[in-house]
Amino acid sequence: MIGIDLIKVERMKGSIERFGEKFLLRFLSPEEIILIKNHKTAAGFWAAKEACSKALGCGIGKECSFHDIKLTKTAKGAPVITLAHELLKSYSISDMSVSITHDGDYAMAVVAIEKTKV
């Protein structure tokens, strides 16, 4: 399953300027906030979480919240995505990968999810 999301980084900048850390905590954990360098990075994380929920086929909502999806980085700075154990189990997920990119006014992310073969 594949999900993709695109966000205009100015939208993220405006929300951060208006609401600060309160806004970031709406979709990021404190550990994820530490990884945020600027509004562009935050936009990439938002896009990755949205893309993940789309790959699951449920979107962000009751089944899957922003906080059920965690982003970290490798030693080389590549993004890594993980899901809450309950979602991994209920969706029979065996592997996930994420790619985040930025170009000009936009941030985009793609998430690929593999299910366990039954």
PDB file of N, CA and C in Angstrom:
ATOM      1  N   MET A   1       0.858  -1.170   0.000  1.00  0.00           N
ATOM      2  CA  MET A   1       0.000   0.000   0.000  1.00  0.00           C
ATOM      3  C   MET A   1       0.903   1.232   0.000  1.00  0.00           C
ATOM      4  N   ILE A   2       0.483   2.245  -0.714  1.00  0.00           N
ATOM      5  CA  ILE A   2       1.274   3.473  -0.829  1.00  0.00           C
ATOM      6  C   ILE A   2       0.383   4.668  -0.514  1.00  0.00           C
ATOM      7  N   GLY A   3       0.951   5.632   0.228  1.00  0.00           N
ATOM      8  CA  GLY A   3       0.266   6.886   0.504  1.00  0.00           C
ATOM      9  C   GLY A   3       1.193   8.044   0.177  1.00  0.00           C
ATOM     10  N   ILE A   4       0.617   9.159  -0.222  1.00  0.00           N
ATOM     11  CA  ILE A   4       1.404  10.348  -0.567  1.00  0.00           C
ATOM     12  C   ILE A   4       0.692  11.576  -0.021  1.00  0.00           C
ATOM     13  N   ASP A   5       1.469  12.589   0.360  1.00  0.00           N
ATOM     14  CA  ASP A   5       0.875  13.846   0.807  1.00  0.00           C
ATOM     15  C   ASP A   5       1.795  15.001   0.428  1.00  0.00           C
ATOM     16  N   LEU A   6       1.184  16.123   0.152  1.00  0.00           N
ATOM     17  CA  LEU A   6       1.871  17.349  -0.234  1.00  0.00           C
ATOM     18  C   LEU A   6       1.335  18.482   0.627  1.00  0.00           C
ATOM     19  N   ILE A   7       2.218  19.314   1.131  1.00  0.00           N
ATOM     20  CA  ILE A   7       1.794  20.450   1.956  1.00  0.00           C
ATOM     21  C   ILE A   7       2.611  21.680   1.568  1.00  0.00           C
ATOM     22  N   LYS A   8       1.967  22.815   1.556  1.00  0.00           N
ATOM     23  CA  LYS A   8       2.652  24.081   1.321  1.00  0.00           C
ATOM     24  C   LYS A   8       3.318  24.490   2.639  1.00  0.00           C
ATOM     25  N   VAL A   9       4.619  24.717   2.618  1.00  0.00           N
ATOM     26  CA  VAL A   9       5.351  24.972   3.865  1.00  0.00           C
ATOM     27  C   VAL A   9       4.923  26.278   4.534  1.00  0.00           C
ATOM     28  N   GLU A  10       4.425  27.230   3.772  1.00  0.00           N
ATOM     29  CA  GLU A  10       3.956  28.490   4.369  1.00  0.00           C
ATOM     30  C   GLU A  10       2.767  28.267   5.306  1.00  0.00           C
ATOM     31  N   ARG A  11       1.944  27.277   4.985  1.00  0.00           N
ATOM     32  CA  ARG A  11       0.824  26.933   5.852  1.00  0.00           C
ATOM     33  C   ARG A  11       1.330  26.477   7.215  1.00  0.00           C
ATOM     34  N   MET A  12       2.379  25.663   7.203  1.00  0.00           N
ATOM     35  CA  MET A  12       2.982  25.186   8.449  1.00  0.00           C
ATOM     36  C   MET A  12       3.633  26.356   9.190  1.00  0.00           C
ATOM     37  N   LYS A  13       4.317  27.214   8.469  1.00  0.00           N
ATOM     38  CA  LYS A  13       4.975  28.365   9.091  1.00  0.00           C
ATOM     39  C   LYS A  13       3.953  29.239   9.818  1.00  0.00           C
ATOM     40  N   GLY A  14       2.826  29.516   9.162  1.00  0.00           N
ATOM     41  CA  GLY A  14       1.784  30.340   9.763  1.00  0.00           C
ATOM     42  C   GLY A  14       1.203  29.720  11.025  1.00  0.00           C
ATOM     43  N   SER A  15       0.979  28.412  11.000  1.00  0.00           N
ATOM     44  CA  SER A  15       0.430  27.729  12.179  1.00  0.00           C
ATOM     45  C   SER A  15       1.413  27.749  13.339  1.00  0.00           C
ATOM     46  N   ILE A  16       2.695  27.560  13.038  1.00  0.00           N
ATOM     47  CA  ILE A  16       3.712  27.584  14.098  1.00  0.00           C
ATOM     48  C   ILE A  16       3.844  28.990  14.675  1.00  0.00           C
ATOM     49  N   GLU A  17       3.845  30.000  13.801  1.00  0.00           N
ATOM     50  CA  GLU A  17       3.945  31.379  14.278  1.00  0.00           C
ATOM     51  C   GLU A  17       2.743  31.750  15.138  1.00  0.00           C
ATOM     52  N   ARG A  18       1.579  31.281  14.764  1.00  0.00           N
ATOM     53  CA  ARG A  18       0.349  31.628  15.483  1.00  0.00           C
ATOM     54  C   ARG A  18       0.188  30.872  16.797  1.00  0.00           C
ATOM     55  N   PHE A  19       0.492  29.556  16.781  1.00  0.00           N
ATOM     56  CA  PHE A  19       0.199  28.727  17.951  1.00  0.00           C
ATOM     57  C   PHE A  19       1.434  28.131  18.638  1.00  0.00           C
ATOM     58  N   GLY A  20       2.600  28.247  18.019  1.00  0.00           N
ATOM     59  CA  GLY A  20       3.841  27.782  18.629  1.00  0.00           C
ATOM     60  C   GLY A  20       3.866  26.288  18.901  1.00  0.00           C
ATOM     61  N   GLU A  21       4.483  25.924  20.030  1.00  0.00           N
ATOM     62  CA  GLU A  21       4.663  24.512  20.380  1.00  0.00           C
ATOM     63  C   GLU A  21       3.325  23.794  20.579  1.00  0.00           C
ATOM     64  N   LYS A  22       2.303  24.528  20.980  1.00  0.00           N
ATOM     65  CA  LYS A  22       0.972  23.918  21.152  1.00  0.00           C
ATOM     66  C   LYS A  22       0.513  23.277  19.841  1.00  0.00           C
ATOM     67  N   PHE A  23       0.766  23.962  18.732  1.00  0.00           N
ATOM     68  CA  PHE A  23       0.403  23.401  17.435  1.00  0.00           C
ATOM     69  C   PHE A  23       1.244  22.171  17.122  1.00  0.00           C
ATOM     70  N   LEU A  24       2.543  22.260  17.352  1.00  0.00           N
ATOM     71  CA  LEU A  24       3.424  21.120  17.065  1.00  0.00           C
ATOM     72  C   LEU A  24       3.016  19.887  17.869  1.00  0.00           C
ATOM     73  N   LEU A  25       2.631  20.099  19.135  1.00  0.00           N
ATOM     74  CA  LEU A  25       2.227  18.976  19.984  1.00  0.00           C
ATOM     75  C   LEU A  25       0.929  18.321  19.512  1.00  0.00           C
ATOM     76  N   ARG A  26       0.202  18.993  18.661  1.00  0.00           N
ATOM     77  CA  ARG A  26      -1.027  18.412  18.098  1.00  0.00           C
ATOM     78  C   ARG A  26      -0.705  17.194  17.229  1.00  0.00           C
ATOM     79  N   PHE A  27       0.462  17.230  16.562  1.00  0.00           N
ATOM     80  CA  PHE A  27       0.786  16.122  15.666  1.00  0.00           C
ATOM     81  C   PHE A  27       2.160  15.495  15.895  1.00  0.00           C
ATOM     82  N   LEU A  28       2.941  16.043  16.817  1.00  0.00           N
ATOM     83  CA  LEU A  28       4.270  15.505  17.102  1.00  0.00           C
ATOM     84  C   LEU A  28       4.439  15.192  18.580  1.00  0.00           C
ATOM     85  N   SER A  29       5.258  14.206  18.875  1.00  0.00           N
ATOM     86  CA  SER A  29       5.631  13.917  20.262  1.00  0.00           C
ATOM     87  C   SER A  29       6.774  14.855  20.642  1.00  0.00           C
ATOM     88  N   PRO A  30       7.056  15.009  21.937  1.00  0.00           N
ATOM     89  CA  PRO A  30       8.201  15.839  22.336  1.00  0.00           C
ATOM     90  C   PRO A  30       9.516  15.360  21.709  1.00  0.00           C
ATOM     91  N   GLU A  31       9.670  14.043  21.547  1.00  0.00           N
ATOM     92  CA  GLU A  31      10.889  13.500  20.923  1.00  0.00           C
ATOM     93  C   GLU A  31      10.979  13.894  19.453  1.00  0.00           C
ATOM     94  N   GLU A  32       9.843  13.942  18.784  1.00  0.00           N
ATOM     95  CA  GLU A  32       9.838  14.351  17.379  1.00  0.00           C
ATOM     96  C   GLU A  32      10.113  15.845  17.251  1.00  0.00           C
ATOM     97  N   ILE A  33       9.589  16.639  18.167  1.00  0.00           N
ATOM     98  CA  ILE A  33       9.809  18.090  18.121  1.00  0.00           C
ATOM     99  C   ILE A  33      11.301  18.412  18.191  1.00  0.00           C
ATOM    100  N   ILE A  34      12.050  17.637  18.935  1.00  0.00           N
ATOM    101  CA  ILE A  34      13.506  17.835  19.036  1.00  0.00           C
ATOM    102  C   ILE A  34      14.168  17.735  17.654  1.00  0.00           C
ATOM    103  N   LEU A  35      13.606  16.918  16.775  1.00  0.00           N
ATOM    104  CA  LEU A  35      14.166  16.725  15.435  1.00  0.00           C
ATOM    105  C   LEU A  35      13.806  17.851  14.461  1.00  0.00           C
ATOM    106  N   ILE A  36      12.840  18.676  14.820  1.00  0.00           N
ATOM    107  CA  ILE A  36      12.367  19.741  13.936  1.00  0.00           C
ATOM    108  C   ILE A  36      13.361  20.903  13.926  1.00  0.00           C
ATOM    109  N   LYS A  37      13.896  21.187  12.741  1.00  0.00           N
ATOM    110  CA  LYS A  37      14.858  22.280  12.592  1.00  0.00           C
ATOM    111  C   LYS A  37      14.163  23.606  12.277  1.00  0.00           C
ATOM    112  N   ASN A  38      13.057  23.526  11.520  1.00  0.00           N
ATOM    113  CA  ASN A  38      12.333  24.728  11.099  1.00  0.00           C
ATOM    114  C   ASN A  38      10.961  24.319  10.574  1.00  0.00           C
ATOM    115  N   HIS A  39      10.212  25.283  10.072  1.00  0.00           N
ATOM    116  CA  HIS A  39       8.863  24.979   9.589  1.00  0.00           C
ATOM    117  C   HIS A  39       8.861  24.034   8.388  1.00  0.00           C
ATOM    118  N   LYS A  40       9.936  24.019   7.624  1.00  0.00           N
ATOM    119  CA  LYS A  40      10.010  23.103   6.486  1.00  0.00           C
ATOM    120  C   LYS A  40      10.110  21.653   6.956  1.00  0.00           C
ATOM    121  N   THR A  41      10.922  21.425   7.982  1.00  0.00           N
ATOM    122  CA  THR A  41      11.030  20.076   8.548  1.00  0.00           C
ATOM    123  C   THR A  41       9.694  19.646   9.129  1.00  0.00           C
ATOM    124  N   ALA A  42       9.025  20.551   9.846  1.00  0.00           N
ATOM    125  CA  ALA A  42       7.721  20.245  10.429  1.00  0.00           C
ATOM    126  C   ALA A  42       6.720  19.883   9.331  1.00  0.00           C
ATOM    127  N   ALA A  43       6.750  20.610   8.226  1.00  0.00           N
ATOM    128  CA  ALA A  43       5.851  20.318   7.110  1.00  0.00           C
ATOM    129  C   ALA A  43       6.128  18.927   6.544  1.00  0.00           C
ATOM    130  N   GLY A  44       7.383  18.554   6.457  1.00  0.00           N
ATOM    131  CA  GLY A  44       7.739  17.218   5.976  1.00  0.00           C
ATOM    132  C   GLY A  44       7.219  16.129   6.897  1.00  0.00           C
ATOM    133  N   PHE A  45       7.317  16.352   8.209  1.00  0.00           N
ATOM    134  CA  PHE A  45       6.806  15.378   9.184  1.00  0.00           C
ATOM    135  C   PHE A  45       5.281  15.271   9.079  1.00  0.00           C
ATOM    136  N   TRP A  46       4.605  16.407   8.920  1.00  0.00           N
ATOM    137  CA  TRP A  46       3.149  16.401   8.754  1.00  0.00           C
ATOM    138  C   TRP A  46       2.781  15.567   7.514  1.00  0.00           C
ATOM    139  N   ALA A  47       3.462  15.850   6.399  1.00  0.00           N
ATOM    140  CA  ALA A  47       3.180  15.133   5.161  1.00  0.00           C
ATOM    141  C   ALA A  47       3.427  13.633   5.321  1.00  0.00           C
ATOM    142  N   ALA A  48       4.483  13.262   6.043  1.00  0.00           N
ATOM    143  CA  ALA A  48       4.794  11.840   6.240  1.00  0.00           C
ATOM    144  C   ALA A  48       3.690  11.142   7.036  1.00  0.00           C
ATOM    145  N   LYS A  49       3.194  11.801   8.068  1.00  0.00           N
ATOM    146  CA  LYS A  49       2.140  11.192   8.884  1.00  0.00           C
ATOM    147  C   LYS A  49       0.829  11.092   8.094  1.00  0.00           C
ATOM    148  N   GLU A  50       0.520  12.104   7.319  1.00  0.00           N
ATOM    149  CA  GLU A  50      -0.676  12.054   6.468  1.00  0.00           C
ATOM    150  C   GLU A  50      -0.537  10.955   5.410  1.00  0.00           C
ATOM    151  N   ALA A  51       0.632  10.868   4.796  1.00  0.00           N
ATOM    152  CA  ALA A  51       0.867   9.842   3.774  1.00  0.00           C
ATOM    153  C   ALA A  51       0.743   8.444   4.377  1.00  0.00           C
ATOM    154  N   CYS A  52       1.215   8.264   5.588  1.00  0.00           N
ATOM    155  CA  CYS A  52       1.119   6.977   6.265  1.00  0.00           C
ATOM    156  C   CYS A  52      -0.350   6.596   6.493  1.00  0.00           C
ATOM    157  N   SER A  53      -1.125   7.541   6.978  1.00  0.00           N
ATOM    158  CA  SER A  53      -2.535   7.247   7.236  1.00  0.00           C
ATOM    159  C   SER A  53      -3.277   6.935   5.934  1.00  0.00           C
ATOM    160  N   LYS A  54      -2.878   7.569   4.852  1.00  0.00           N
ATOM    161  CA  LYS A  54      -3.485   7.281   3.549  1.00  0.00           C
ATOM    162  C   LYS A  54      -3.082   5.891   3.047  1.00  0.00           C
ATOM    163  N   ALA A  55      -1.832   5.507   3.295  1.00  0.00           N
ATOM    164  CA  ALA A  55      -1.392   4.165   2.907  1.00  0.00           C
ATOM    165  C   ALA A  55      -2.166   3.104   3.677  1.00  0.00           C
ATOM    166  N   LEU A  56      -2.509   3.394   4.913  1.00  0.00           N
ATOM    167  CA  LEU A  56      -3.329   2.466   5.703  1.00  0.00           C
ATOM    168  C   LEU A  56      -4.755   2.393   5.177  1.00  0.00           C
ATOM    169  N   GLY A  57      -5.184   3.468   4.510  1.00  0.00           N
ATOM    170  CA  GLY A  57      -6.531   3.513   3.959  1.00  0.00           C
ATOM    171  C   GLY A  57      -7.571   4.064   4.909  1.00  0.00           C
ATOM    172  N   CYS A  58      -7.123   4.666   6.009  1.00  0.00           N
ATOM    173  CA  CYS A  58      -8.090   5.173   6.992  1.00  0.00           C
ATOM    174  C   CYS A  58      -7.996   6.680   7.202  1.00  0.00           C
ATOM    175  N   GLY A  59      -6.874   7.300   6.848  1.00  0.00           N
ATOM    176  CA  GLY A  59      -6.685   8.720   7.124  1.00  0.00           C
ATOM    177  C   GLY A  59      -6.481   8.964   8.605  1.00  0.00           C
ATOM    178  N   ILE A  60      -6.170  10.200   8.952  1.00  0.00           N
ATOM    179  CA  ILE A  60      -6.012  10.578  10.360  1.00  0.00           C
ATOM    180  C   ILE A  60      -7.406  10.703  10.962  1.00  0.00           C
ATOM    181  N   GLY A  61      -7.624  10.041  12.067  1.00  0.00           N
ATOM    182  CA  GLY A  61      -8.935  10.074  12.709  1.00  0.00           C
ATOM    183  C   GLY A  61      -8.997   9.107  13.867  1.00  0.00           C
ATOM    184  N   LYS A  62     -10.151   8.505  14.043  1.00  0.00           N
ATOM    185  CA  LYS A  62     -10.385   7.618  15.179  1.00  0.00           C
ATOM    186  C   LYS A  62      -9.489   6.372  15.145  1.00  0.00           C
ATOM    187  N   GLU A  63      -9.332   5.769  13.961  1.00  0.00           N
ATOM    188  CA  GLU A  63      -8.528   4.553  13.832  1.00  0.00           C
ATOM    189  C   GLU A  63      -7.037   4.800  13.993  1.00  0.00           C
ATOM    190  N   CYS A  64      -6.584   5.927  13.505  1.00  0.00           N
ATOM    191  CA  CYS A  64      -5.145   6.240  13.489  1.00  0.00           C
ATOM    192  C   CYS A  64      -4.963   7.733  13.745  1.00  0.00           C
ATOM    193  N   SER A  65      -4.346   8.059  14.865  1.00  0.00           N
ATOM    194  CA  SER A  65      -4.085   9.468  15.177  1.00  0.00           C
ATOM    195  C   SER A  65      -2.658   9.831  14.770  1.00  0.00           C
ATOM    196  N   PHE A  66      -2.383  11.117  14.734  1.00  0.00           N
ATOM    197  CA  PHE A  66      -1.021  11.576  14.451  1.00  0.00           C
ATOM    198  C   PHE A  66      -0.035  10.934  15.434  1.00  0.00           C
ATOM    199  N   HIS A  67      -0.448  10.735  16.664  1.00  0.00           N
ATOM    200  CA  HIS A  67       0.459  10.217  17.691  1.00  0.00           C
ATOM    201  C   HIS A  67       0.633   8.707  17.644  1.00  0.00           C
ATOM    202  N   ASP A  68      -0.111   8.025  16.782  1.00  0.00           N
ATOM    203  CA  ASP A  68       0.110   6.598  16.546  1.00  0.00           C
ATOM    204  C   ASP A  68       1.249   6.372  15.551  1.00  0.00           C
ATOM    205  N   ILE A  69       1.654   7.439  14.887  1.00  0.00           N
ATOM    206  CA  ILE A  69       2.709   7.390  13.876  1.00  0.00           C
ATOM    207  C   ILE A  69       3.917   8.140  14.429  1.00  0.00           C
ATOM    208  N   LYS A  70       5.074   7.483  14.461  1.00  0.00           N
ATOM    209  CA  LYS A  70       6.287   8.104  15.014  1.00  0.00           C
ATOM    210  C   LYS A  70       7.355   8.215  13.929  1.00  0.00           C
ATOM    211  N   LEU A  71       8.030   9.349  13.928  1.00  0.00           N
ATOM    212  CA  LEU A  71       9.146   9.575  13.018  1.00  0.00           C
ATOM    213  C   LEU A  71      10.427   9.760  13.813  1.00  0.00           C
ATOM    214  N   THR A  72      11.472   9.092  13.355  1.00  0.00           N
ATOM    215  CA  THR A  72      12.815   9.269  13.903  1.00  0.00           C
ATOM    216  C   THR A  72      13.736   9.449  12.709  1.00  0.00           C
ATOM    217  N   LYS A  73      15.024   9.539  12.987  1.00  0.00           N
ATOM    218  CA  LYS A  73      15.998   9.660  11.898  1.00  0.00           C
ATOM    219  C   LYS A  73      17.168   8.713  12.156  1.00  0.00           C
ATOM    220  N   THR A  74      17.757   8.228  11.078  1.00  0.00           N
ATOM    221  CA  THR A  74      18.953   7.405  11.187  1.00  0.00           C
ATOM    222  C   THR A  74      20.137   8.308  11.523  1.00  0.00           C
ATOM    223  N   ALA A  75      21.275   7.705  11.781  1.00  0.00           N
ATOM    224  CA  ALA A  75      22.495   8.463  12.064  1.00  0.00           C
ATOM    225  C   ALA A  75      22.864   9.382  10.892  1.00  0.00           C
ATOM    226  N   LYS A  76      22.460   9.003   9.686  1.00  0.00           N
ATOM    227  CA  LYS A  76      22.752   9.816   8.505  1.00  0.00           C
ATOM    228  C   LYS A  76      21.641  10.816   8.193  1.00  0.00           C
ATOM    229  N   GLY A  77      20.590  10.839   9.006  1.00  0.00           N
ATOM    230  CA  GLY A  77      19.522  11.820   8.837  1.00  0.00           C
ATOM    231  C   GLY A  77      18.336  11.372   8.003  1.00  0.00           C
ATOM    232  N   ALA A  78      18.310  10.111   7.579  1.00  0.00           N
ATOM    233  CA  ALA A  78      17.176   9.610   6.802  1.00  0.00           C
ATOM    234  C   ALA A  78      15.983   9.375   7.724  1.00  0.00           C
ATOM    235  N   PRO A  79      14.785   9.681   7.266  1.00  0.00           N
ATOM    236  CA  PRO A  79      13.611   9.467   8.120  1.00  0.00           C
ATOM    237  C   PRO A  79      13.268   7.987   8.262  1.00  0.00           C
ATOM    238  N   VAL A  80      12.757   7.652   9.434  1.00  0.00           N
ATOM    239  CA  VAL A  80      12.276   6.298   9.733  1.00  0.00           C
ATOM    240  C   VAL A  80      10.884   6.448  10.317  1.00  0.00           C
ATOM    241  N   ILE A  81       9.955   5.624   9.862  1.00  0.00           N
ATOM    242  CA  ILE A  81       8.577   5.712  10.333  1.00  0.00           C
ATOM    243  C   ILE A  81       8.184   4.412  11.028  1.00  0.00           C
ATOM    244  N   THR A  82       7.470   4.541  12.141  1.00  0.00           N
ATOM    245  CA  THR A  82       6.959   3.381  12.862  1.00  0.00           C
ATOM    246  C   THR A  82       5.522   3.668  13.294  1.00  0.00           C
ATOM    247  N   LEU A  83       4.793   2.597  13.551  1.00  0.00           N
ATOM    248  CA  LEU A  83       3.407   2.714  14.000  1.00  0.00           C
ATOM    249  C   LEU A  83       3.254   2.119  15.385  1.00  0.00           C
ATOM    250  N   ALA A  84       2.218   2.557  16.072  1.00  0.00           N
ATOM    251  CA  ALA A  84       1.862   1.966  17.364  1.00  0.00           C
ATOM    252  C   ALA A  84       1.652   0.465  17.161  1.00  0.00           C
ATOM    253  N   HIS A  85       2.036  -0.312  18.160  1.00  0.00           N
ATOM    254  CA  HIS A  85       1.962  -1.771  18.088  1.00  0.00           C
ATOM    255  C   HIS A  85       0.563  -2.255  17.696  1.00  0.00           C
ATOM    256  N   GLU A  86      -0.469  -1.625  18.244  1.00  0.00           N
ATOM    257  CA  GLU A  86      -1.836  -2.032  17.956  1.00  0.00           C
ATOM    258  C   GLU A  86      -2.151  -1.925  16.457  1.00  0.00           C
ATOM    259  N   LEU A  87      -1.663  -0.860  15.812  1.00  0.00           N
ATOM    260  CA  LEU A  87      -1.906  -0.689  14.379  1.00  0.00           C
ATOM    261  C   LEU A  87      -1.104  -1.685  13.561  1.00  0.00           C
ATOM    262  N   LEU A  88       0.144  -1.925  13.965  1.00  0.00           N
ATOM    263  CA  LEU A  88       0.954  -2.917  13.260  1.00  0.00           C
ATOM    264  C   LEU A  88       0.251  -4.270  13.251  1.00  0.00           C
ATOM    265  N   LYS A  89      -0.303  -4.613  14.397  1.00  0.00           N
ATOM    266  CA  LYS A  89      -0.985  -5.901  14.540  1.00  0.00           C
ATOM    267  C   LYS A  89      -2.315  -5.922  13.769  1.00  0.00           C
ATOM    268  N   SER A  90      -3.142  -4.916  13.955  1.00  0.00           N
ATOM    269  CA  SER A  90      -4.471  -4.929  13.329  1.00  0.00           C
ATOM    270  C   SER A  90      -4.409  -4.825  11.805  1.00  0.00           C
ATOM    271  N   TYR A  91      -3.385  -4.169  11.271  1.00  0.00           N
ATOM    272  CA  TYR A  91      -3.241  -4.058   9.818  1.00  0.00           C
ATOM    273  C   TYR A  91      -2.277  -5.095   9.246  1.00  0.00           C
ATOM    274  N   SER A  92      -1.723  -5.969  10.104  1.00  0.00           N
ATOM    275  CA  SER A  92      -0.786  -7.033   9.685  1.00  0.00           C
ATOM    276  C   SER A  92       0.395  -6.475   8.893  1.00  0.00           C
ATOM    277  N   ILE A  93       1.033  -5.443   9.429  1.00  0.00           N
ATOM    278  CA  ILE A  93       2.125  -4.777   8.728  1.00  0.00           C
ATOM    279  C   ILE A  93       3.454  -5.456   9.033  1.00  0.00           C
ATOM    280  N   SER A  94       4.196  -5.765   7.967  1.00  0.00           N
ATOM    281  CA  SER A  94       5.504  -6.396   8.130  1.00  0.00           C
ATOM    282  C   SER A  94       6.656  -5.426   7.906  1.00  0.00           C
ATOM    283  N   ASP A  95       6.438  -4.372   7.105  1.00  0.00           N
ATOM    284  CA  ASP A  95       7.523  -3.428   6.823  1.00  0.00           C
ATOM    285  C   ASP A  95       6.933  -2.099   6.368  1.00  0.00           C
ATOM    286  N   MET A  96       7.670  -1.018   6.637  1.00  0.00           N
ATOM    287  CA  MET A  96       7.257   0.325   6.223  1.00  0.00           C
ATOM    288  C   MET A  96       8.484   1.113   5.796  1.00  0.00           C
ATOM    289  N   SER A  97       8.292   2.018   4.854  1.00  0.00           N
ATOM    290  CA  SER A  97       9.366   2.944   4.498  1.00  0.00           C
ATOM    291  C   SER A  97       8.756   4.298   4.152  1.00  0.00           C
ATOM    292  N   VAL A  98       9.574   5.337   4.325  1.00  0.00           N
ATOM    293  CA  VAL A  98       9.117   6.708   4.098  1.00  0.00           C
ATOM    294  C   VAL A  98      10.188   7.494   3.363  1.00  0.00           C
ATOM    295  N   SER A  99       9.747   8.398   2.521  1.00  0.00           N
ATOM    296  CA  SER A  99      10.636   9.344   1.873  1.00  0.00           C
ATOM    297  C   SER A  99       9.991  10.721   1.972  1.00  0.00           C
ATOM    298  N   ILE A 100      10.787  11.699   2.385  1.00  0.00           N
ATOM    299  CA  ILE A 100      10.319  13.082   2.523  1.00  0.00           C
ATOM    300  C   ILE A 100      11.193  13.959   1.644  1.00  0.00           C
ATOM    301  N   THR A 101      10.564  14.874   0.899  1.00  0.00           N
ATOM    302  CA  THR A 101      11.332  15.791   0.058  1.00  0.00           C
ATOM    303  C   THR A 101      10.751  17.195   0.170  1.00  0.00           C
ATOM    304  N   HIS A 102      11.598  18.163  -0.110  1.00  0.00           N
ATOM    305  CA  HIS A 102      11.195  19.574  -0.088  1.00  0.00           C
ATOM    306  C   HIS A 102      11.652  20.216  -1.390  1.00  0.00           C
ATOM    307  N   ASP A 103      10.794  21.065  -1.942  1.00  0.00           N
ATOM    308  CA  ASP A 103      11.165  21.824  -3.127  1.00  0.00           C
ATOM    309  C   ASP A 103      10.410  23.144  -3.101  1.00  0.00           C
ATOM    310  N   GLY A 104      11.141  24.213  -3.008  1.00  0.00           N
ATOM    311  CA  GLY A 104      10.514  25.534  -3.007  1.00  0.00           C
ATOM    312  C   GLY A 104       9.498  25.685  -1.895  1.00  0.00           C
ATOM    313  N   ASP A 105       8.254  25.903  -2.285  1.00  0.00           N
ATOM    314  CA  ASP A 105       7.178  26.169  -1.330  1.00  0.00           C
ATOM    315  C   ASP A 105       6.499  24.918  -0.785  1.00  0.00           C
ATOM    316  N   TYR A 106       6.979  23.728  -1.161  1.00  0.00           N
ATOM    317  CA  TYR A 106       6.264  22.505  -0.811  1.00  0.00           C
ATOM    318  C   TYR A 106       7.145  21.466  -0.124  1.00  0.00           C
ATOM    319  N   ALA A 107       6.488  20.658   0.706  1.00  0.00           N
ATOM    320  CA  ALA A 107       7.089  19.455   1.273  1.00  0.00           C
ATOM    321  C   ALA A 107       6.181  18.298   0.866  1.00  0.00           C
ATOM    322  N   MET A 108       6.785  17.167   0.536  1.00  0.00           N
ATOM    323  CA  MET A 108       6.016  16.010   0.103  1.00  0.00           C
ATOM    324  C   MET A 108       6.596  14.761   0.749  1.00  0.00           C
ATOM    325  N   ALA A 109       5.724  13.804   1.025  1.00  0.00           N
ATOM    326  CA  ALA A 109       6.169  12.529   1.582  1.00  0.00           C
ATOM    327  C   ALA A 109       5.420  11.381   0.925  1.00  0.00           C
ATOM    328  N   VAL A 110       6.111  10.264   0.820  1.00  0.00           N
ATOM    329  CA  VAL A 110       5.539   9.021   0.310  1.00  0.00           C
ATOM    330  C   VAL A 110       5.834   7.939   1.345  1.00  0.00           C
ATOM    331  N   VAL A 111       4.815   7.141   1.663  1.00  0.00           N
ATOM    332  CA  VAL A 111       4.977   6.029   2.597  1.00  0.00           C
ATOM    333  C   VAL A 111       4.532   4.755   1.894  1.00  0.00           C
ATOM    334  N   ALA A 112       5.369   3.727   1.988  1.00  0.00           N
ATOM    335  CA  ALA A 112       5.042   2.399   1.452  1.00  0.00           C
ATOM    336  C   ALA A 112       4.906   1.436   2.629  1.00  0.00           C
ATOM    337  N   ILE A 113       3.833   0.654   2.619  1.00  0.00           N
ATOM    338  CA  ILE A 113       3.547  -0.307   3.687  1.00  0.00           C
ATOM    339  C   ILE A 113       3.386  -1.680   3.069  1.00  0.00           C
ATOM    340  N   GLU A 114       4.069  -2.659   3.673  1.00  0.00           N
ATOM    341  CA  GLU A 114       3.915  -4.048   3.259  1.00  0.00           C
ATOM    342  C   GLU A 114       3.167  -4.801   4.339  1.00  0.00           C
ATOM    343  N   LYS A 115       2.195  -5.593   3.905  1.00  0.00           N
ATOM    344  CA  LYS A 115       1.429  -6.426   4.832  1.00  0.00           C
ATOM    345  C   LYS A 115       2.041  -7.823   4.898  1.00  0.00           C
ATOM    346  N   THR A 116       1.844  -8.454   6.050  1.00  0.00           N
ATOM    347  CA  THR A 116       2.260  -9.837   6.194  1.00  0.00           C
ATOM    348  C   THR A 116       1.387 -10.693   5.297  1.00  0.00           C
ATOM    349  N   LYS A 117       2.012 -11.599   4.575  1.00  0.00           N
ATOM    350  CA  LYS A 117       1.231 -12.506   3.710  1.00  0.00           C
ATOM    351  C   LYS A 117       0.569 -13.558   4.578  1.00  0.00           C
ATOM    352  N   VAL A 118      -0.695 -13.786   4.324  1.00  0.00           N
ATOM    353  CA  VAL A 118      -1.454 -14.745   5.113  1.00  0.00           C
ATOM    354  C   VAL A 118      -1.519 -16.077   4.411  1.00  0.00           C
TER     355      VAL A 118
END
